[in-house]
PDB file of all heavy atoms in Angstrom:
ATOM      1  N   ASP A   1     173.957 150.958-130.838  1.00  0.00           N
ATOM      2  CA  ASP A   1     173.604 150.788-129.430  1.00  0.00           C
ATOM      3  C   ASP A   1     173.111 149.359-129.262  1.00  0.00           C
ATOM      4  O   ASP A   1     171.947 149.052-129.520  1.00  0.00           O
ATOM      5  CB  ASP A   1     172.507 151.792-129.050  1.00  0.00           C
ATOM      6  CG  ASP A   1     171.983 151.565-127.640  1.00  0.00           C
ATOM      7  OD1 ASP A   1     172.663 150.859-126.864  1.00  0.00           O
ATOM      8  OD2 ASP A   1     170.889 152.087-127.329  1.00  0.00           O
ATOM      9  N   SER A   2     173.981 148.491-128.831  1.00  0.00           N
ATOM     10  CA  SER A   2     173.617 147.078-128.679  1.00  0.00           C
ATOM     11  C   SER A   2     172.963 146.796-127.335  1.00  0.00           C
ATOM     12  O   SER A   2     172.430 145.705-127.119  1.00  0.00           O
ATOM     13  CB  SER A   2     174.856 146.194-128.837  1.00  0.00           C
ATOM     14  OG  SER A   2     175.808 146.482-127.829  1.00  0.00           O
ATOM     15  N   THR A   3     172.983 147.773-126.433  1.00  0.00           N
ATOM     16  CA  THR A   3     172.434 147.565-125.092  1.00  0.00           C
ATOM     17  C   THR A   3     171.046 148.172-124.926  1.00  0.00           C
ATOM     18  O   THR A   3     170.405 147.984-123.888  1.00  0.00           O
ATOM     19  CB  THR A   3     173.361 148.188-124.034  1.00  0.00           C
ATOM     20  OG1 THR A   3     173.446 149.610-124.269  1.00  0.00           O
ATOM     21  CG2 THR A   3     174.756 147.585-124.119  1.00  0.00           C
ATOM     22  N   ARG A   4     170.586 148.916-125.945  1.00  0.00           N
ATOM     23  CA  ARG A   4     169.271 149.543-125.937  1.00  0.00           C
ATOM     24  C   ARG A   4     169.121 150.548-124.800  1.00  0.00           C
ATOM     25  O   ARG A   4     168.062 150.717-124.214  1.00  0.00           O
ATOM     26  CB  ARG A   4     168.168 148.488-125.815  1.00  0.00           C
ATOM     27  CG  ARG A   4     168.220 147.389-126.846  1.00  0.00           C
ATOM     28  CD  ARG A   4     167.858 147.900-128.214  1.00  0.00           C
ATOM     29  NE  ARG A   4     166.451 148.303-128.282  1.00  0.00           N
ATOM     30  CZ  ARG A   4     165.920 149.009-129.288  1.00  0.00           C
ATOM     31  NH1 ARG A   4     166.687 149.427-130.271  1.00  0.00           N
ATOM     32  NH2 ARG A   4     164.645 149.311-129.287  1.00  0.00           N
ATOM     33  N   ARG A   5     170.222 151.275-124.498  1.00  0.00           N
ATOM     34  CA  ARG A   5     170.149 152.284-123.436  1.00  0.00           C
ATOM     35  C   ARG A   5     170.113 153.708-124.000  1.00  0.00           C
ATOM     36  O   ARG A   5     170.053 154.679-123.250  1.00  0.00           O
ATOM     37  CB  ARG A   5     171.346 152.145-122.500  1.00  0.00           C
ATOM     38  CG  ARG A   5     172.687 152.410-123.159  1.00  0.00           C
ATOM     39  CD  ARG A   5     173.832 152.103-122.233  1.00  0.00           C
ATOM     40  NE  ARG A   5     175.094 152.055-122.949  1.00  0.00           N
ATOM     41  CZ  ARG A   5     176.199 151.503-122.464  1.00  0.00           C
ATOM     42  NH1 ARG A   5     176.181 150.966-121.265  1.00  0.00           N
ATOM     43  NH2 ARG A   5     177.307 151.486-123.166  1.00  0.00           N
ATOM     44  N   GLY A   6     170.186 153.837-125.323  1.00  0.00           N
ATOM     45  CA  GLY A   6     170.064 155.151-125.941  1.00  0.00           C
ATOM     46  C   GLY A   6     171.361 155.804-126.342  1.00  0.00           C
ATOM     47  O   GLY A   6     171.354 156.892-126.922  1.00  0.00           O
ATOM     48  N   THR A   7     172.488 155.161-126.044  1.00  0.00           N
ATOM     49  CA  THR A   7     173.794 155.698-126.436  1.00  0.00           C
ATOM     50  C   THR A   7     174.596 154.598-127.133  1.00  0.00           C
ATOM     51  O   THR A   7     174.496 153.421-126.775  1.00  0.00           O
ATOM     52  CB  THR A   7     174.591 156.207-125.220  1.00  0.00           C
ATOM     53  OG1 THR A   7     174.729 155.137-124.275  1.00  0.00           O
ATOM     54  CG2 THR A   7     173.874 157.381-124.559  1.00  0.00           C
ATOM     55  N   PRO A   8     175.410 154.964-128.129  1.00  0.00           N
ATOM     56  CA  PRO A   8     176.178 153.942-128.868  1.00  0.00           C
ATOM     57  C   PRO A   8     177.307 153.356-128.031  1.00  0.00           C
ATOM     58  O   PRO A   8     177.916 154.036-127.201  1.00  0.00           O
ATOM     59  CB  PRO A   8     176.731 154.722-130.060  1.00  0.00           C
ATOM     60  CG  PRO A   8     176.805 156.131-129.589  1.00  0.00           C
ATOM     61  CD  PRO A   8     175.634 156.322-128.671  1.00  0.00           C
ATOM     62  N   ASP A   9     177.576 152.077-128.248  1.00  0.00           N
ATOM     63  CA  ASP A   9     178.684 151.419-127.544  1.00  0.00           C
ATOM     64  C   ASP A   9     179.681 150.787-128.514  1.00  0.00           C
ATOM     65  O   ASP A   9     180.684 150.237-128.096  1.00  0.00           O
ATOM     66  CB  ASP A   9     178.139 150.339-126.598  1.00  0.00           C
ATOM     67  CG  ASP A   9     177.239 149.341-127.308  1.00  0.00           C
ATOM     68  OD1 ASP A   9     177.754 148.455-128.001  1.00  0.00           O
ATOM     69  OD2 ASP A   9     176.009 149.472-127.177  1.00  0.00           O
ATOM     70  N   ARG A  10     179.402 150.898-129.819  1.00  0.00           N
ATOM     71  CA  ARG A  10     180.303 150.346-130.832  1.00  0.00           C
ATOM     72  C   ARG A  10     180.258 151.255-132.055  1.00  0.00           C
ATOM     73  O   ARG A  10     179.193 151.731-132.444  1.00  0.00           O
ATOM     74  CB  ARG A  10     179.874 148.927-131.209  1.00  0.00           C
ATOM     75  CG  ARG A  10     180.811 148.205-132.173  1.00  0.00           C
ATOM     76  CD  ARG A  10     180.429 146.731-132.235  1.00  0.00           C
ATOM     77  NE  ARG A  10     181.251 145.985-133.182  1.00  0.00           N
ATOM     78  CZ  ARG A  10     180.879 145.712-134.434  1.00  0.00           C
ATOM     79  NH1 ARG A  10     179.691 146.116-134.883  1.00  0.00           N
ATOM     80  NH2 ARG A  10     181.666 145.037-135.236  1.00  0.00           N
ATOM     81  N   ARG A  11     181.419 151.492-132.650  1.00  0.00           N
ATOM     82  CA  ARG A  11     181.476 152.396-133.799  1.00  0.00           C
ATOM     83  C   ARG A  11     182.441 151.884-134.853  1.00  0.00           C
ATOM     84  O   ARG A  11     183.531 151.400-134.534  1.00  0.00           O
ATOM     85  CB  ARG A  11     181.908 153.800-133.351  1.00  0.00           C
ATOM     86  CG  ARG A  11     181.927 154.834-134.472  1.00  0.00           C
ATOM     87  CD  ARG A  11     182.185 156.222-133.921  1.00  0.00           C
ATOM     88  NE  ARG A  11     183.509 156.353-133.364  1.00  0.00           N
ATOM     89  CZ  ARG A  11     183.945 157.413-132.697  1.00  0.00           C
ATOM     90  NH1 ARG A  11     183.122 158.434-132.479  1.00  0.00           N
ATOM     91  NH2 ARG A  11     185.173 157.462-132.226  1.00  0.00           N
ATOM     92  N   LEU A  12     182.014 151.979-136.107  1.00  0.00           N
ATOM     93  CA  LEU A  12     182.855 151.636-137.240  1.00  0.00           C
ATOM     94  C   LEU A  12     183.195 152.918-137.979  1.00  0.00           C
ATOM     95  O   LEU A  12     182.313 153.714-138.295  1.00  0.00           O
ATOM     96  CB  LEU A  12     182.126 150.683-138.188  1.00  0.00           C
ATOM     97  CG  LEU A  12     181.538 149.403-137.582  1.00  0.00           C
ATOM     98  CD1 LEU A  12     180.842 148.595-138.674  1.00  0.00           C
ATOM     99  CD2 LEU A  12     182.632 148.578-136.919  1.00  0.00           C
ATOM    100  N   THR A  13     184.493 153.112-138.260  1.00  0.00           N
ATOM    101  CA  THR A  13     184.945 154.279-139.012  1.00  0.00           C
ATOM    102  C   THR A  13     185.590 153.812-140.301  1.00  0.00           C
ATOM    103  O   THR A  13     186.502 152.971-140.279  1.00  0.00           O
ATOM    104  CB  THR A  13     185.961 155.108-138.199  1.00  0.00           C
ATOM    105  OG1 THR A  13     185.341 155.558-136.984  1.00  0.00           O
ATOM    106  CG2 THR A  13     186.432 156.320-139.004  1.00  0.00           C
ATOM    107  N   TYR A  14     185.113 154.312-141.421  1.00  0.00           N
ATOM    108  CA  TYR A  14     185.607 153.909-142.731  1.00  0.00           C
ATOM    109  C   TYR A  14     186.735 154.852-143.151  1.00  0.00           C
ATOM    110  O   TYR A  14     186.521 156.059-143.333  1.00  0.00           O
ATOM    111  CB  TYR A  14     184.464 153.915-143.741  1.00  0.00           C
ATOM    112  CG  TYR A  14     183.371 152.941-143.362  1.00  0.00           C
ATOM    113  CD1 TYR A  14     182.307 153.342-142.541  1.00  0.00           C
ATOM    114  CD2 TYR A  14     183.424 151.620-143.789  1.00  0.00           C
ATOM    115  CE1 TYR A  14     181.323 152.430-142.168  1.00  0.00           C
ATOM    116  CE2 TYR A  14     182.437 150.704-143.416  1.00  0.00           C
ATOM    117  CZ  TYR A  14     181.401 151.120-142.614  1.00  0.00           C
ATOM    118  OH  TYR A  14     180.422 150.224-142.235  1.00  0.00           O
ATOM    119  N   LEU A  15     187.931 154.311-143.298  1.00  0.00           N
ATOM    120  CA  LEU A  15     189.116 155.107-143.583  1.00  0.00           C
ATOM    121  C   LEU A  15     189.359 155.249-145.079  1.00  0.00           C
ATOM    122  O   LEU A  15     188.806 154.503-145.897  1.00  0.00           O
ATOM    123  CB  LEU A  15     190.330 154.464-142.906  1.00  0.00           C
ATOM    124  CG  LEU A  15     190.168 154.230-141.382  1.00  0.00           C
ATOM    125  CD1 LEU A  15     191.389 153.529-140.822  1.00  0.00           C
ATOM    126  CD2 LEU A  15     189.917 155.552-140.672  1.00  0.00           C
ATOM    127  N   ALA A  16     190.201 156.227-145.422  1.00  0.00           N
ATOM    128  CA  ALA A  16     190.457 156.546-146.829  1.00  0.00           C
ATOM    129  C   ALA A  16     191.098 155.392-147.586  1.00  0.00           C
ATOM    130  O   ALA A  16     190.926 155.269-148.806  1.00  0.00           O
ATOM    131  CB  ALA A  16     191.335 157.787-146.919  1.00  0.00           C
ATOM    132  N   ASP A  17     191.843 154.532-146.887  1.00  0.00           N
ATOM    133  CA  ASP A  17     192.515 153.423-147.564  1.00  0.00           C
ATOM    134  C   ASP A  17     191.601 152.215-147.760  1.00  0.00           C
ATOM    135  O   ASP A  17     192.037 151.157-148.228  1.00  0.00           O
ATOM    136  CB  ASP A  17     193.772 153.014-146.801  1.00  0.00           C
ATOM    137  CG  ASP A  17     193.473 152.527-145.379  1.00  0.00           C
ATOM    138  OD1 ASP A  17     192.273 152.449-145.011  1.00  0.00           O
ATOM    139  OD2 ASP A  17     194.422 152.233-144.634  1.00  0.00           O
ATOM    140  N   GLY A  18     190.346 152.357-147.368  1.00  0.00           N
ATOM    141  CA  GLY A  18     189.394 151.267-147.551  1.00  0.00           C
ATOM    142  C   GLY A  18     189.242 150.367-146.333  1.00  0.00           C
ATOM    143  O   GLY A  18     188.366 149.494-146.317  1.00  0.00           O
ATOM    144  N   SER A  19     190.078 150.580-145.331  1.00  0.00           N
ATOM    145  CA  SER A  19     189.974 149.766-144.124  1.00  0.00           C
ATOM    146  C   SER A  19     188.912 150.334-143.181  1.00  0.00           C
ATOM    147  O   SER A  19     188.427 151.451-143.369  1.00  0.00           O
ATOM    148  CB  SER A  19     191.332 149.709-143.406  1.00  0.00           C
ATOM    149  OG  SER A  19     191.737 151.016-143.010  1.00  0.00           O
ATOM    150  N   VAL A  20     188.585 149.544-142.167  1.00  0.00           N
ATOM    151  CA  VAL A  20     187.565 149.946-141.206  1.00  0.00           C
ATOM    152  C   VAL A  20     188.151 149.872-139.797  1.00  0.00           C
ATOM    153  O   VAL A  20     188.733 148.851-139.412  1.00  0.00           O
ATOM    154  CB  VAL A  20     186.325 149.038-141.287  1.00  0.00           C
ATOM    155  CG1 VAL A  20     185.282 149.467-140.259  1.00  0.00           C
ATOM    156  CG2 VAL A  20     185.725 149.073-142.685  1.00  0.00           C
ATOM    157  N   ARG A  21     188.013 150.964-139.045  1.00  0.00           N
ATOM    158  CA  ARG A  21     188.478 150.978-137.666  1.00  0.00           C
ATOM    159  C   ARG A  21     187.291 150.693-136.750  1.00  0.00           C
ATOM    160  O   ARG A  21     186.242 151.326-136.857  1.00  0.00           O
ATOM    161  CB  ARG A  21     189.088 152.330-137.310  1.00  0.00           C
ATOM    162  CG  ARG A  21     189.657 152.380-135.877  1.00  0.00           C
ATOM    163  CD  ARG A  21     190.402 153.663-135.606  1.00  0.00           C
ATOM    164  NE  ARG A  21     189.524 154.819-135.615  1.00  0.00           N
ATOM    165  CZ  ARG A  21     189.706 155.885-136.377  1.00  0.00           C
ATOM    166  NH1 ARG A  21     190.709 155.940-137.239  1.00  0.00           N
ATOM    167  NH2 ARG A  21     188.866 156.914-136.320  1.00  0.00           N
ATOM    168  N   VAL A  22     187.456 149.714-135.860  1.00  0.00           N
ATOM    169  CA  VAL A  22     186.393 149.326-134.935  1.00  0.00           C
ATOM    170  C   VAL A  22     186.723 149.877-133.556  1.00  0.00           C
ATOM    171  O   VAL A  22     187.816 149.660-133.019  1.00  0.00           O
ATOM    172  CB  VAL A  22     186.239 147.792-134.860  1.00  0.00           C
ATOM    173  CG1 VAL A  22     185.105 147.424-133.915  1.00  0.00           C
ATOM    174  CG2 VAL A  22     185.998 147.216-136.252  1.00  0.00           C
ATOM    175  N   GLU A  23     185.783 150.598-132.970  1.00  0.00           N
ATOM    176  CA  GLU A  23     185.983 151.183-131.645  1.00  0.00           C
ATOM    177  C   GLU A  23     184.808 150.821-130.745  1.00  0.00           C
ATOM    178  O   GLU A  23     183.697 150.566-131.232  1.00  0.00           O
ATOM    179  CB  GLU A  23     186.091 152.706-131.755  1.00  0.00           C
ATOM    180  CG  GLU A  23     187.253 153.177-132.619  1.00  0.00           C
ATOM    181  CD  GLU A  23     187.183 154.667-132.892  1.00  0.00           C
ATOM    182  OE1 GLU A  23     186.184 155.102-133.497  1.00  0.00           O
ATOM    183  OE2 GLU A  23     188.116 155.371-132.485  1.00  0.00           O
ATOM    184  N   VAL A  24     185.071 150.805-129.446  1.00  0.00           N
ATOM    185  CA  VAL A  24     184.025 150.456-128.484  1.00  0.00           C
ATOM    186  C   VAL A  24     183.974 151.482-127.357  1.00  0.00           C
ATOM    187  O   VAL A  24     184.956 152.170-127.072  1.00  0.00           O
ATOM    188  CB  VAL A  24     184.259 149.044-127.889  1.00  0.00           C
ATOM    189  CG1 VAL A  24     184.121 147.984-128.962  1.00  0.00           C
ATOM    190  CG2 VAL A  24     185.626 148.972-127.218  1.00  0.00           C
ATOM    191  N   ASP A  25     182.820 151.565-126.754  1.00  0.00           N
ATOM    192  CA  ASP A  25     182.588 152.438-125.601  1.00  0.00           C
ATOM    193  C   ASP A  25     181.588 151.728-124.695  1.00  0.00           C
ATOM    194  O   ASP A  25     180.406 152.070-124.660  1.00  0.00           O
ATOM    195  CB  ASP A  25     182.048 153.797-126.063  1.00  0.00           C
ATOM    196  CG  ASP A  25     181.724 154.722-124.901  1.00  0.00           C
ATOM    197  OD1 ASP A  25     182.207 154.461-123.780  1.00  0.00           O
ATOM    198  OD2 ASP A  25     180.961 155.681-125.123  1.00  0.00           O
ATOM    199  N   PRO A  26     182.015 150.694-123.969  1.00  0.00           N
ATOM    200  CA  PRO A  26     181.093 149.873-123.166  1.00  0.00           C
ATOM    201  C   PRO A  26     180.250 150.668-122.182  1.00  0.00           C
ATOM    202  O   PRO A  26     179.104 150.313-121.904  1.00  0.00           O
ATOM    203  CB  PRO A  26     182.035 148.907-122.435  1.00  0.00           C
ATOM    204  CG  PRO A  26     183.258 148.864-123.295  1.00  0.00           C
ATOM    205  CD  PRO A  26     183.410 150.244-123.834  1.00  0.00           C
ATOM    206  N   ALA A  27     180.802 151.759-121.657  1.00  0.00           N
ATOM    207  CA  ALA A  27     180.093 152.540-120.646  1.00  0.00           C
ATOM    208  C   ALA A  27     179.133 153.555-121.261  1.00  0.00           C
ATOM    209  O   ALA A  27     178.342 154.184-120.552  1.00  0.00           O
ATOM    210  CB  ALA A  27     181.091 153.252-119.735  1.00  0.00           C
ATOM    211  N   GLY A  28     179.208 153.745-122.570  1.00  0.00           N
ATOM    212  CA  GLY A  28     178.327 154.703-123.221  1.00  0.00           C
ATOM    213  C   GLY A  28     178.623 156.138-122.867  1.00  0.00           C
ATOM    214  O   GLY A  28     177.728 156.982-122.786  1.00  0.00           O
TER     215      GLY A  28
END
């Protein structure tokens, strides 16, 4: 939660192949 509003707006998902998927949710 980079906006300090209590809900996440960015997420990292670690995949089985070792890569990382970056996702965003600006509206929370």
